[in-house]
Structure formats: C-alpha cells, structure tokens
Amino acid sequence: MRSYMVKFPIGIEVDIFDLPEDFEEQIKESFKGYTEETAKEYRYCDKLGYIDCCIKHLNGEKYSDDIVNQMVEGRILYEWRENREIIDEDDIYCFEFMEDCYDRGKEDARLYAHFGSDDHHIYDQIQKVLVKVITIVMNYED
C-alpha cells in the first residue's frame, strides 16, 4: 500500500492514503485549540485562518526568505549552466524577478496548489484530504 505523510496544524501528521479512524476528531481538536482564544462571533475568521494554516503546512511551512533564496540560487545556477555567466546584482533586483517571487507566493497559497509534488496520485489524494479538513472545519460547532 502506498504511503505519504503530511502535516497539519497543532502537531497532526497523517498518511494521506491511510487516514486514522479518528481523523475527524483530530482535526476538530486541532481547530478547537486554534480557536480557543477567539470570541464565538469571530470564529468564521478562525475557520478561514485555520484552512490557510493547513495550506501553509502542506507546502512545507517554508519561509518567504528561504523561497526567495532558493529562487536566487536557481537563477544563478541556470545562468552559469546555460551561459557560463554569473548574474549581476541588478538581475536579482529587477522587476521580472520580483514578479516571479510574487507569483510563487500566490501559487503556494492556493487551495489547488501542488504542495511540492508532481505525482498526480499524491496531489489528488492531498486535495481529497484537504477537502475533508475544510468540510470538518467549516461545519465545526462548539
């Protein structure tokens, strides 16, 4: 049987191909911990925030500076391999590169992001699990 582990907020780690029987309870408890300080009338904000948090976890909780550094390194390596040139500092601070960084940030924040996997079986299963999480959280009542 196939296995692929993913992390969700507040310490939940599951195999997307073999969810635990108490998965719904784990998500409810996790969300309850996430929202415990919030007044009930603002819980809808926490529901959306928790879903955003799930997406961040599924994307490996990468920090923006780490992603930008990876992109700069990739650009340097590309130029060296293709043209045997080292890029200028201006190439990093150019409008097009900033646009690429911004687009990458938007891509990683989408509900339908690939979450670091080009394997469509993994991607499809992550999407199914994320839909379950969204359903559980959106239907959560105290």
Protein backbone atom coordinates (compact mmCIF):
# COMPACT_ATOMS: atom_id res chain seq x y z
CA MET A 1 0.00 0.00 0.00
CA ARG A 2 1.18 3.49 -0.83
CA SER A 3 2.12 5.93 1.93
CA TYR A 4 2.66 9.70 2.04
CA MET A 5 2.83 11.70 5.25
CA VAL A 6 1.58 15.28 5.56
CA LYS A 7 1.43 17.69 8.46
CA PHE A 8 -1.48 19.80 9.61
CA PRO A 9 -1.60 22.49 12.32
CA ILE A 10 -1.07 21.76 16.00
CA GLY A 11 1.00 18.62 15.56
CA ILE A 12 -1.22 16.47 13.37
CA GLU A 13 0.71 14.21 10.99
CA VAL A 14 -1.15 11.66 8.88
CA ASP A 15 -0.67 9.29 5.98
CA ILE A 16 -2.97 10.62 3.25
CA PHE A 17 -3.52 7.12 1.88
CA ASP A 18 -4.44 5.66 5.28
CA LEU A 19 -6.18 8.26 7.43
CA PRO A 20 -6.63 7.28 11.07
CA GLU A 21 -10.15 6.37 12.19
CA ASP A 22 -10.17 9.37 14.50
CA PHE A 23 -9.01 11.83 11.80
CA GLU A 24 -12.15 13.96 12.11
CA GLU A 25 -11.71 14.16 15.89
CA GLN A 26 -8.04 15.08 15.49
CA ILE A 27 -8.94 17.94 13.16
CA LYS A 28 -11.74 19.12 15.47
CA GLU A 29 -9.40 19.10 18.48
CA SER A 30 -6.72 20.87 16.50
CA PHE A 31 -9.18 23.55 15.38
CA LYS A 32 -10.58 23.85 18.90
CA GLY A 33 -7.05 24.60 20.15
CA TYR A 34 -6.52 27.05 17.31
CA THR A 35 -9.71 28.99 18.05
CA GLU A 36 -9.92 28.77 21.85
CA GLU A 37 -8.98 32.44 22.43
CA THR A 38 -11.41 33.79 19.84
CA ALA A 39 -14.89 35.06 20.64
CA LYS A 40 -17.55 32.81 19.12
CA GLU A 41 -18.91 35.56 16.84
CA TYR A 42 -15.50 35.77 15.12
CA ARG A 43 -14.96 32.04 14.70
CA TYR A 44 -15.59 32.29 10.94
CA CYS A 45 -12.29 34.24 10.69
CA ASP A 46 -10.52 31.43 12.53
CA LYS A 47 -12.05 28.86 10.19
CA LEU A 48 -10.53 30.62 7.20
CA GLY A 49 -7.27 31.21 9.06
CA TYR A 50 -7.03 27.54 10.01
CA ILE A 51 -7.54 26.50 6.39
CA ASP A 52 -4.78 28.93 5.37
CA CYS A 53 -2.62 27.35 8.07
CA CYS A 54 -3.32 23.89 6.62
CA ILE A 55 -2.21 25.06 3.19
CA LYS A 56 0.97 26.52 4.68
CA HIS A 57 1.68 23.19 6.41
CA LEU A 58 1.02 21.24 3.21
CA ASN A 59 3.52 23.49 1.43
CA GLY A 60 6.19 22.60 3.98
CA GLU A 61 5.89 25.73 6.13
CA LYS A 62 8.56 27.45 4.08
CA TYR A 63 9.51 31.00 4.99
CA SER A 64 9.48 33.65 2.29
CA ASP A 65 13.19 34.38 2.63
CA ASP A 66 14.03 30.69 2.15
CA ILE A 67 11.93 30.54 -1.01
CA VAL A 68 13.48 33.73 -2.40
CA ASN A 69 16.96 32.38 -1.62
CA GLN A 70 16.13 29.17 -3.49
CA MET A 71 14.89 31.19 -6.44
CA VAL A 72 18.06 33.33 -6.47
CA GLU A 73 20.23 30.21 -6.27
CA GLY A 74 18.24 28.65 -9.09
CA ARG A 75 18.69 31.72 -11.24
CA ILE A 76 22.43 31.82 -10.56
CA LEU A 77 22.80 28.12 -11.40
CA TYR A 78 20.70 28.45 -14.54
CA GLU A 79 22.80 31.35 -15.86
CA TRP A 80 26.02 29.54 -15.05
CA ARG A 81 24.96 26.26 -16.68
CA GLU A 82 23.41 27.84 -19.76
CA ASN A 83 25.73 30.79 -20.40
CA ARG A 84 28.74 30.27 -18.13
CA GLU A 85 27.99 33.69 -16.64
CA ILE A 86 27.36 34.90 -13.13
CA ILE A 87 24.34 37.15 -12.92
CA ASP A 88 24.63 40.77 -11.81
CA GLU A 89 23.01 42.08 -8.66
CA ASP A 90 20.68 44.12 -10.88
CA ASP A 91 19.32 40.85 -12.32
CA ILE A 92 18.12 39.88 -8.85
CA TYR A 93 16.53 43.23 -8.10
CA CYS A 94 14.85 43.52 -11.48
CA PHE A 95 11.10 43.85 -11.87
CA GLU A 96 10.74 40.45 -13.58
CA PHE A 97 12.44 38.59 -10.75
CA MET A 98 10.30 40.35 -8.14
CA GLU A 99 7.26 39.42 -10.21
CA ASP A 100 8.39 35.76 -10.24
CA CYS A 101 8.75 35.84 -6.44
CA TYR A 102 5.30 37.35 -6.02
CA ASP A 103 3.76 34.79 -8.38
CA ARG A 104 5.45 31.95 -6.46
CA GLY A 105 3.94 33.25 -3.22
CA LYS A 106 0.48 33.38 -4.76
CA GLU A 107 0.92 29.87 -6.19
CA ASP A 108 1.86 28.38 -2.82
CA ALA A 109 -1.17 29.98 -1.15
CA ARG A 110 -3.78 28.49 -3.49
CA LEU A 111 -6.17 25.78 -2.39
CA TYR A 112 -5.31 23.82 -5.51
CA ALA A 113 -1.51 24.14 -5.17
CA HIS A 114 0.57 21.05 -5.95
CA PHE A 115 2.03 21.07 -2.43
CA GLY A 116 5.50 20.18 -3.62
CA SER A 117 4.55 17.03 -5.51
CA ASP A 118 4.39 16.48 -9.24
CA ASP A 119 2.99 12.96 -8.68
CA HIS A 120 -0.68 13.35 -9.57
CA HIS A 121 -1.68 10.41 -7.33
CA ILE A 122 -0.23 12.18 -4.31
CA TYR A 123 -1.56 15.55 -5.44
CA ASP A 124 -5.08 14.17 -5.97
CA GLN A 125 -5.11 12.45 -2.59
CA ILE A 126 -3.85 15.57 -0.79
CA GLN A 127 -6.69 17.50 -2.42
CA LYS A 128 -9.24 14.94 -1.20
CA VAL A 129 -7.87 15.09 2.35
CA LEU A 130 -7.83 18.90 2.26
CA VAL A 131 -11.50 18.92 1.20
CA LYS A 132 -12.26 16.69 4.22
CA VAL A 133 -10.41 19.08 6.51
CA ILE A 134 -12.23 22.09 5.06
CA THR A 135 -15.59 20.33 5.50
CA ILE A 136 -14.80 19.39 9.11
CA VAL A 137 -13.63 22.90 9.99
CA MET A 138 -16.45 24.73 8.21
CA ASN A 139 -19.05 22.52 9.93
CA TYR A 140 -17.39 22.82 13.36
CA GLU A 141 -19.72 23.89 16.15
CA ASP A 142 -18.79 24.22 19.79
